[in-house]
Protein backbone atom coordinates (compact mmCIF):
# COMPACT_ATOMS: atom_id res chain seq x y z
CA MET A 1 -0.16 -0.03 -0.13
CA ASP A 2 1.22 3.38 -0.73
CA ILE A 3 1.29 6.21 1.38
CA GLY A 4 -1.35 8.65 1.17
CA GLU A 5 -3.71 6.25 -0.36
CA GLN A 6 -7.45 6.24 0.64
CA VAL A 7 -7.68 3.65 3.95
CA ILE A 8 -11.28 4.39 4.58
CA GLU A 9 -13.94 5.58 1.47
CA VAL A 10 -17.38 6.06 2.56
CA SER A 11 -20.55 6.51 -0.17
CA GLY A 12 -23.74 7.35 0.16
CA LEU A 13 -23.73 5.93 3.91
CA ARG A 14 -27.20 5.70 5.70
CA ARG A 15 -28.23 4.47 8.65
CA ARG A 16 -31.84 4.17 9.82
CA TYR A 17 -33.24 3.31 13.30
CA GLY A 18 -36.71 1.22 13.63
CA PRO A 19 -38.71 0.21 10.50
CA ALA A 20 -37.19 0.89 7.21
CA LYS A 21 -40.52 2.17 5.98
CA GLY A 22 -43.12 4.81 7.21
CA ASP A 23 -43.17 7.12 10.35
CA GLY A 24 -41.98 4.80 12.64
CA GLY A 25 -38.18 5.18 11.76
CA PHE A 26 -35.38 7.80 12.19
CA GLU A 27 -32.41 8.12 9.82
CA ALA A 28 -29.44 9.26 11.54
CA VAL A 29 -27.24 9.26 8.42
CA ARG A 30 -28.38 10.60 5.33
CA GLY A 31 -26.35 9.68 2.51
CA VAL A 32 -23.01 10.52 4.10
CA SER A 33 -19.80 10.43 1.43
CA PHE A 34 -15.93 10.98 2.41
CA SER A 35 -12.99 9.66 2.27
CA VAL A 36 -9.67 9.62 4.68
CA ALA A 37 -5.97 9.02 3.59
CA ARG A 38 -3.25 6.84 5.21
CA GLY A 39 -1.78 8.88 7.99
CA GLU A 40 -4.29 11.51 7.88
CA LEU A 41 -6.34 12.82 10.97
CA PHE A 42 -10.06 13.47 10.16
CA ALA A 43 -12.07 14.82 12.64
CA LEU A 44 -16.04 14.51 12.25
CA LEU A 45 -18.01 17.35 13.96
CA GLY A 46 -21.57 18.56 15.05
CA THR A 47 -23.83 18.85 17.65
CA ASN A 48 -25.46 16.40 19.63
CA GLY A 49 -27.67 13.78 17.24
CA ALA A 50 -25.85 15.03 14.29
CA GLY A 51 -25.04 11.79 13.45
CA LYS A 52 -21.12 11.45 14.27
CA THR A 53 -21.14 8.45 16.25
CA SER A 54 -23.96 7.09 14.31
CA THR A 55 -21.27 7.24 11.35
CA VAL A 56 -18.15 6.05 13.21
CA GLU A 57 -19.82 2.54 14.50
CA LEU A 58 -20.77 2.10 10.76
CA LEU A 59 -16.80 2.62 9.98
CA GLU A 60 -16.06 0.60 13.12
CA GLY A 61 -18.17 -2.41 11.65
CA LEU A 62 -20.14 -2.25 14.70
CA ALA A 63 -23.45 -2.20 12.83
CA GLU A 64 -24.54 -2.67 9.19
CA PRO A 65 -25.43 0.06 6.73
CA SER A 66 -29.02 1.01 6.01
CA GLY A 67 -27.76 2.26 2.33
CA GLY A 68 -24.16 3.06 0.91
CA GLU A 69 -21.38 1.90 1.16
CA VAL A 70 -18.15 1.86 3.36
CA ARG A 71 -14.69 0.51 3.16
CA VAL A 72 -12.11 0.62 5.83
CA LEU A 73 -8.35 -0.75 4.70
CA GLY A 74 -10.20 -2.24 1.56
CA HIS A 75 -12.56 -4.22 3.23
CA ASP A 76 -16.29 -4.23 4.18
CA PRO A 77 -15.83 -3.43 8.12
CA TYR A 78 -19.29 -5.30 8.39
CA ARG A 79 -19.24 -8.06 6.45
CA GLU A 80 -15.71 -8.56 6.61
CA ARG A 81 -14.96 -8.10 9.71
CA ASP A 82 -12.20 -10.66 10.34
CA ARG A 83 -9.89 -8.90 7.72
CA VAL A 84 -10.56 -5.53 9.86
CA ARG A 85 -10.72 -5.93 13.02
CA SER A 86 -7.32 -6.81 14.10
CA ARG A 87 -5.98 -3.68 12.04
CA ILE A 88 -7.90 -1.13 13.76
CA GLY A 89 -8.30 0.43 17.46
CA MET A 90 -11.77 1.59 18.61
CA MET A 91 -12.02 4.00 21.81
CA LEU A 92 -15.54 4.19 22.29
CA GLN A 93 -17.52 7.12 24.33
CA GLU A 94 -17.65 4.55 27.24
CA GLY A 95 -15.43 1.42 27.62
CA GLY A 96 -17.55 -0.65 29.96
CA PHE A 97 -14.56 -2.15 31.43
CA PRO A 98 -15.39 -4.64 34.88
CA SER A 99 -14.89 -2.47 37.75
CA ASP A 100 -13.36 -4.72 40.23
CA LEU A 101 -10.09 -5.61 37.76
CA THR A 102 -7.32 -3.76 38.30
CA VAL A 103 -5.50 -1.43 35.63
CA ALA A 104 -3.05 -4.07 34.68
CA GLU A 105 -5.69 -7.07 34.85
CA THR A 106 -7.74 -5.14 32.77
CA ALA A 107 -5.03 -4.63 30.10
CA ARG A 108 -3.74 -8.15 30.23
CA MET A 109 -7.45 -9.42 29.66
CA TRP A 110 -8.05 -7.19 26.84
CA ALA A 111 -4.65 -8.14 24.94
CA GLY A 112 -5.45 -11.75 25.26
CA CYS A 113 -8.48 -10.79 22.97
CA THR A 114 -6.28 -8.70 20.94
CA SER A 115 -4.00 -10.20 17.92
CA GLY A 116 -0.10 -9.07 17.72
CA ALA A 117 -1.19 -7.12 20.96
CA ARG A 118 1.88 -4.82 22.18
CA PRO A 119 3.22 -5.35 25.84
CA THR A 120 0.50 -4.07 28.34
CA ALA A 121 2.99 -2.07 30.46
CA GLU A 122 4.06 -0.39 27.28
CA ALA A 123 0.31 0.56 26.33
CA LEU A 124 -0.19 1.91 29.99
CA GLU A 125 2.75 3.67 29.77
CA MET A 126 1.99 5.54 26.63
CA VAL A 127 -1.18 6.94 28.30
CA GLY A 128 0.35 7.70 31.84
CA LEU A 129 -1.40 5.04 33.71
CA ALA A 130 1.85 2.96 34.44
CA PRO A 131 1.70 4.00 37.87
CA ARG A 132 -2.02 3.23 38.56
CA ALA A 133 -1.78 -0.21 37.37
CA ASP A 134 -2.56 -1.84 40.52
CA VAL A 135 -5.81 0.23 41.47
CA ARG A 136 -8.84 -1.16 40.61
CA VAL A 137 -11.02 0.43 37.30
CA LYS A 138 -13.64 1.63 39.92
CA GLN A 139 -11.14 3.48 41.97
CA LEU A 140 -9.94 5.70 38.68
CA SER A 141 -11.32 9.12 38.01
CA GLY A 142 -13.01 9.59 34.94
CA GLY A 143 -10.21 11.27 33.14
CA GLU A 144 -7.99 8.00 33.95
CA ARG A 145 -10.96 5.64 32.48
CA ARG A 146 -10.76 7.49 29.51
CA ARG A 147 -6.89 6.78 29.21
CA LEU A 148 -7.54 3.38 30.04
CA ASP A 149 -9.94 3.50 26.96
CA LEU A 150 -7.25 4.63 25.20
CA ALA A 151 -4.63 2.53 26.18
CA MET A 152 -6.76 -0.85 25.31
CA ALA A 153 -7.52 0.92 21.42
CA LEU A 154 -3.66 1.13 21.06
CA LEU A 155 -2.77 -2.37 22.58
CA GLY A 156 -3.03 -4.06 18.68
CA ARG A 157 -1.06 -1.14 17.08
CA PRO A 158 -3.97 -0.24 15.05
CA GLU A 159 -3.22 0.90 11.53
CA VAL A 160 -6.49 2.98 11.88
CA LEU A 161 -7.65 4.47 15.22
CA PHE A 162 -11.50 5.51 16.08
CA LEU A 163 -11.44 8.01 18.65
CA ASP A 164 -15.10 8.83 19.82
CA GLU A 165 -14.55 11.82 22.32
CA PRO A 166 -11.19 10.70 23.63
CA THR A 167 -10.47 13.57 26.04
CA THR A 168 -13.89 13.71 27.65
CA GLY A 169 -12.98 14.20 31.48
CA LEU A 170 -9.25 15.20 31.02
CA ASP A 171 -7.99 17.96 32.72
CA ALA A 172 -5.85 20.99 30.90
CA GLU A 173 -2.69 18.61 31.23
CA GLY A 174 -4.41 15.18 30.42
CA ARG A 175 -5.61 16.84 27.35
CA ARG A 176 -2.32 18.22 26.13
CA GLU A 177 -0.61 15.09 26.99
CA THR A 178 -3.12 13.07 24.83
CA TRP A 179 -2.99 15.42 22.20
CA ARG A 180 0.96 14.83 21.97
CA LEU A 181 0.24 11.17 21.85
CA VAL A 182 -2.58 11.44 18.83
CA ARG A 183 0.22 13.52 17.05
CA GLU A 184 3.03 11.13 17.54
CA LEU A 185 0.55 8.28 16.43
CA ARG A 186 -0.17 10.32 13.30
CA GLU A 187 3.19 10.95 12.49
CA GLY A 188 3.98 7.27 12.74
CA GLY A 189 1.73 6.78 10.02
CA THR A 190 -1.66 5.65 11.94
CA THR A 191 -4.93 7.21 10.40
CA VAL A 192 -6.72 8.49 12.75
CA VAL A 193 -10.90 9.34 12.84
CA LEU A 194 -11.79 11.72 15.13
CA THR A 195 -15.44 13.03 17.30
CA THR A 196 -14.69 15.56 19.74
CA HIS A 197 -17.09 18.46 21.24
CA TYR A 198 -13.65 20.59 21.82
CA LEU A 199 -13.21 22.55 19.05
CA GLU A 200 -9.97 23.40 20.04
CA GLU A 201 -9.17 19.83 19.79
CA ALA A 202 -9.98 19.49 16.17
CA GLU A 203 -8.13 22.68 14.97
CA GLU A 204 -5.18 21.45 16.70
CA LEU A 205 -5.23 18.17 15.59
CA ALA A 206 -7.05 17.72 12.00
CA ASP A 207 -5.55 17.82 8.72
CA ARG A 208 -9.04 17.76 7.92
CA LEU A 209 -12.76 17.88 9.26
CA ALA A 210 -16.10 17.96 8.17
CA ILE A 211 -19.35 19.51 10.04
CA MET A 212 -22.39 17.18 10.25
CA ARG A 213 -25.77 18.74 10.74
CA ALA A 214 -29.09 16.37 11.01
CA GLY A 215 -27.17 13.35 9.39
CA ARG A 216 -25.43 14.82 6.65
CA ILE A 217 -22.17 16.63 6.05
CA VAL A 218 -22.53 20.61 5.78
CA VAL A 219 -19.09 21.81 5.07
CA SER A 220 -15.78 19.95 4.93
CA GLY A 221 -11.65 21.15 4.46
CA THR A 222 -8.99 21.75 6.41
CA PRO A 223 -9.82 23.75 9.44
CA ALA A 224 -8.09 26.93 7.92
CA GLU A 225 -10.70 26.28 4.91
CA VAL A 226 -13.64 26.17 6.76
CA THR A 227 -12.36 28.84 9.40
CA ALA A 228 -11.50 31.45 6.04
CA SER A 229 -15.20 31.08 5.35
CA ARG A 230 -16.44 32.90 7.98
CA PRO A 231 -15.80 36.54 8.00
CA SER A 232 -13.22 38.20 10.64
CA ARG A 233 -14.16 40.43 12.93
CA ILE A 234 -12.62 43.87 14.55
CA ARG A 235 -14.19 44.97 18.00
CA PHE A 236 -13.29 48.21 19.60
CA THR A 237 -15.00 50.88 22.06
CA LEU A 238 -15.17 54.38 20.58
CA PRO A 239 -14.21 57.58 23.23
CA GLU A 240 -17.20 59.45 24.49
CA GLY A 241 -18.56 61.94 22.08
CA VAL A 242 -17.19 60.04 18.92
CA PRO A 243 -20.43 58.56 17.33
CA ALA A 244 -20.09 55.45 15.27
CA ALA A 245 -21.46 57.62 12.04
CA ARG A 246 -18.09 59.27 11.87
CA LEU A 247 -16.47 55.80 10.94
CA PRO A 248 -15.15 55.72 7.24
CA LEU A 249 -18.30 54.65 4.84
CA SER A 250 -16.73 51.84 3.90
CA LEU A 251 -16.38 50.65 7.59
CA LYS A 252 -19.92 51.50 8.21
CA ALA A 253 -21.24 49.40 5.30
CA ALA A 254 -19.37 46.27 7.16
CA TRP A 255 -20.51 47.57 10.60
CA ASP A 256 -22.40 44.86 12.29
CA SER A 257 -22.91 44.47 16.12
CA PRO A 258 -25.61 42.25 17.06
CA CYS A 259 -24.71 41.85 20.70
CA ARG A 260 -24.67 45.69 20.62
CA ARG A 261 -26.81 47.04 23.76
CA PRO A 262 -28.92 50.14 22.92
CA GLU A 263 -27.63 51.57 26.05
CA ASP A 264 -23.91 51.10 24.95
CA GLU A 265 -23.98 52.93 21.61
CA ARG A 266 -19.83 53.32 21.66
CA ARG A 267 -19.45 49.52 21.42
CA VAL A 268 -18.36 48.58 17.76
CA GLU A 269 -17.88 45.65 16.07
CA ILE A 270 -16.88 45.25 12.33
CA ARG A 271 -17.48 41.77 10.25
CA THR A 272 -15.33 41.83 7.19
CA GLU A 273 -13.86 39.24 4.36
CA ARG A 274 -10.89 42.10 4.32
CA LEU A 275 -9.45 42.13 7.81
CA GLN A 276 -5.89 43.62 6.58
CA GLU A 277 -7.27 46.00 4.59
CA ALA A 278 -10.05 47.00 7.15
CA LEU A 279 -8.01 47.20 9.85
CA THR A 280 -5.48 49.48 8.08
CA GLU A 281 -8.55 51.95 7.02
CA LEU A 282 -9.66 52.07 10.47
CA LEU A 283 -6.17 52.82 11.99
CA LEU A 284 -5.39 55.39 9.50
CA TRP A 285 -8.88 56.58 10.33
CA ALA A 286 -8.18 56.70 14.28
CA ARG A 287 -4.73 58.72 13.77
CA ARG A 288 -6.26 61.11 11.50
CA GLU A 289 -9.11 61.89 13.76
CA ASP A 290 -6.93 61.84 16.73
CA VAL A 291 -9.43 58.82 18.22
CA ALA A 292 -8.54 56.40 20.84
CA LEU A 293 -9.73 52.84 19.85
CA GLU A 294 -10.39 51.26 23.46
CA GLY A 295 -10.03 47.35 23.65
CA LEU A 296 -9.18 47.13 19.97
CA ASP A 297 -9.40 43.70 19.07
CA ALA A 298 -8.88 42.32 15.45
CA ARG A 299 -8.75 38.18 14.89
CA SER A 300 -10.23 35.90 12.16
CA ALA A 301 -13.07 33.76 12.47
CA SER A 302 -12.36 31.03 15.14
CA LEU A 303 -13.25 27.34 14.18
CA GLU A 304 -15.79 27.79 16.89
CA GLU A 305 -17.57 30.66 15.49
CA ALA A 306 -17.59 28.64 12.24
CA PHE A 307 -18.77 25.68 13.74
CA LEU A 308 -21.59 27.48 15.54
CA GLU A 309 -22.89 29.09 12.62
CA ILE A 310 -22.82 26.07 10.23
CA ALA A 311 -24.09 23.57 12.72
CA HIS A 312 -26.88 25.58 14.09
CA SER A 313 -28.04 27.50 10.81
CA GLY A 314 -31.09 26.39 8.94
CA GLY A 315 -31.13 25.38 5.20
CA ASP A 316 -28.39 25.14 2.53
CA THR A 317 -27.46 21.43 3.85
CA ALA A 318 -25.55 19.40 1.60
CA GLU A 319 -28.15 17.39 0.09
CA ASP A 320 -25.97 14.37 -1.09
CA GLY A 321 -23.83 14.43 2.36
CA THR A 322 -20.73 14.74 0.18
CA ALA A 323 -17.65 15.80 2.01
CA ASP A 324 -15.34 17.31 -0.46
CA ASP A 325 -12.97 19.85 -0.30
CA GLY A 326 -14.15 21.94 -3.40
CA THR A 327 -14.20 25.47 -2.69
CA ALA A 328 -17.61 25.68 -3.95
CA ARG A 329 -19.18 24.57 -0.89
CA LEU A 330 -16.84 26.82 1.29
CA ALA A 331 -17.79 30.00 -0.76
CA LYS A 332 -21.37 28.86 -0.35
CA ALA A 333 -20.86 28.48 3.50
CA GLY A 334 -18.93 31.74 3.63
CA ALA A 335 -21.92 33.76 1.45
CA ARG A 336 -24.60 33.18 4.33
């Protein structure tokens, strides 16, 4: 297999719960299509109920699709599970390990069910649980249980690693350590599919990402491409006696402050697709007019801003669910 080949290919994927026809069922995944290259970290984002976990479970072979096709390492992960299972690692939202076993006993039990398992001590060391090897699972904190889940997912030296909310319950230090480990795995050639509610996590780790809404993929691309589809913003407060009407006409045309309180007319927010030009014009105006801009803050859109607008906006859903990197969908998202 060549580096950069598509190790995950999804086409028109659907998953329905309940009756196949009629009003009694619910279609959680509605024609999703995307691919993931070897050594790539692909993040799947969306609000609760968007269809992320339902999609990932189909990739993991835990359920049969209601429609469409999925291939992992060239095989159907559900019908050819025996050819896929030993080559993938799965970190589910909850591990469900026996609470009375110790960490070391849990690792040994799991290693006995794993082909080509790495030494259990090595797996525990990777996630920082070696000092807790003799502690019972029920005595672990929530964050430590997540690290145990990750250790078990890594036991089989997976080619493809599925991480479903991997840092839930971890403190800031634990989250950063997990990010470091995931980066090392990716650099070593492991393909990673990540679902997370921490948008900073996706922005830090993902090579590409897709945002789902109502079972479909709405927008996809690199984190930079997705955030670039949203306008940048400039915020500041004008001095007393300087009305916003004095701003240059070009900036007033872009003026948009939906959070501005009626009693605070001095606060201004400008949204613009041309951050550098708009900021330069604002600063030149302020110098010319001898105006001090209090609390001046200029920045490009964050992934969080893009996510919130895309995930919660109505309409303009990608009907075919396709996750491509074309600029057309990004431009469409940016036009809203």
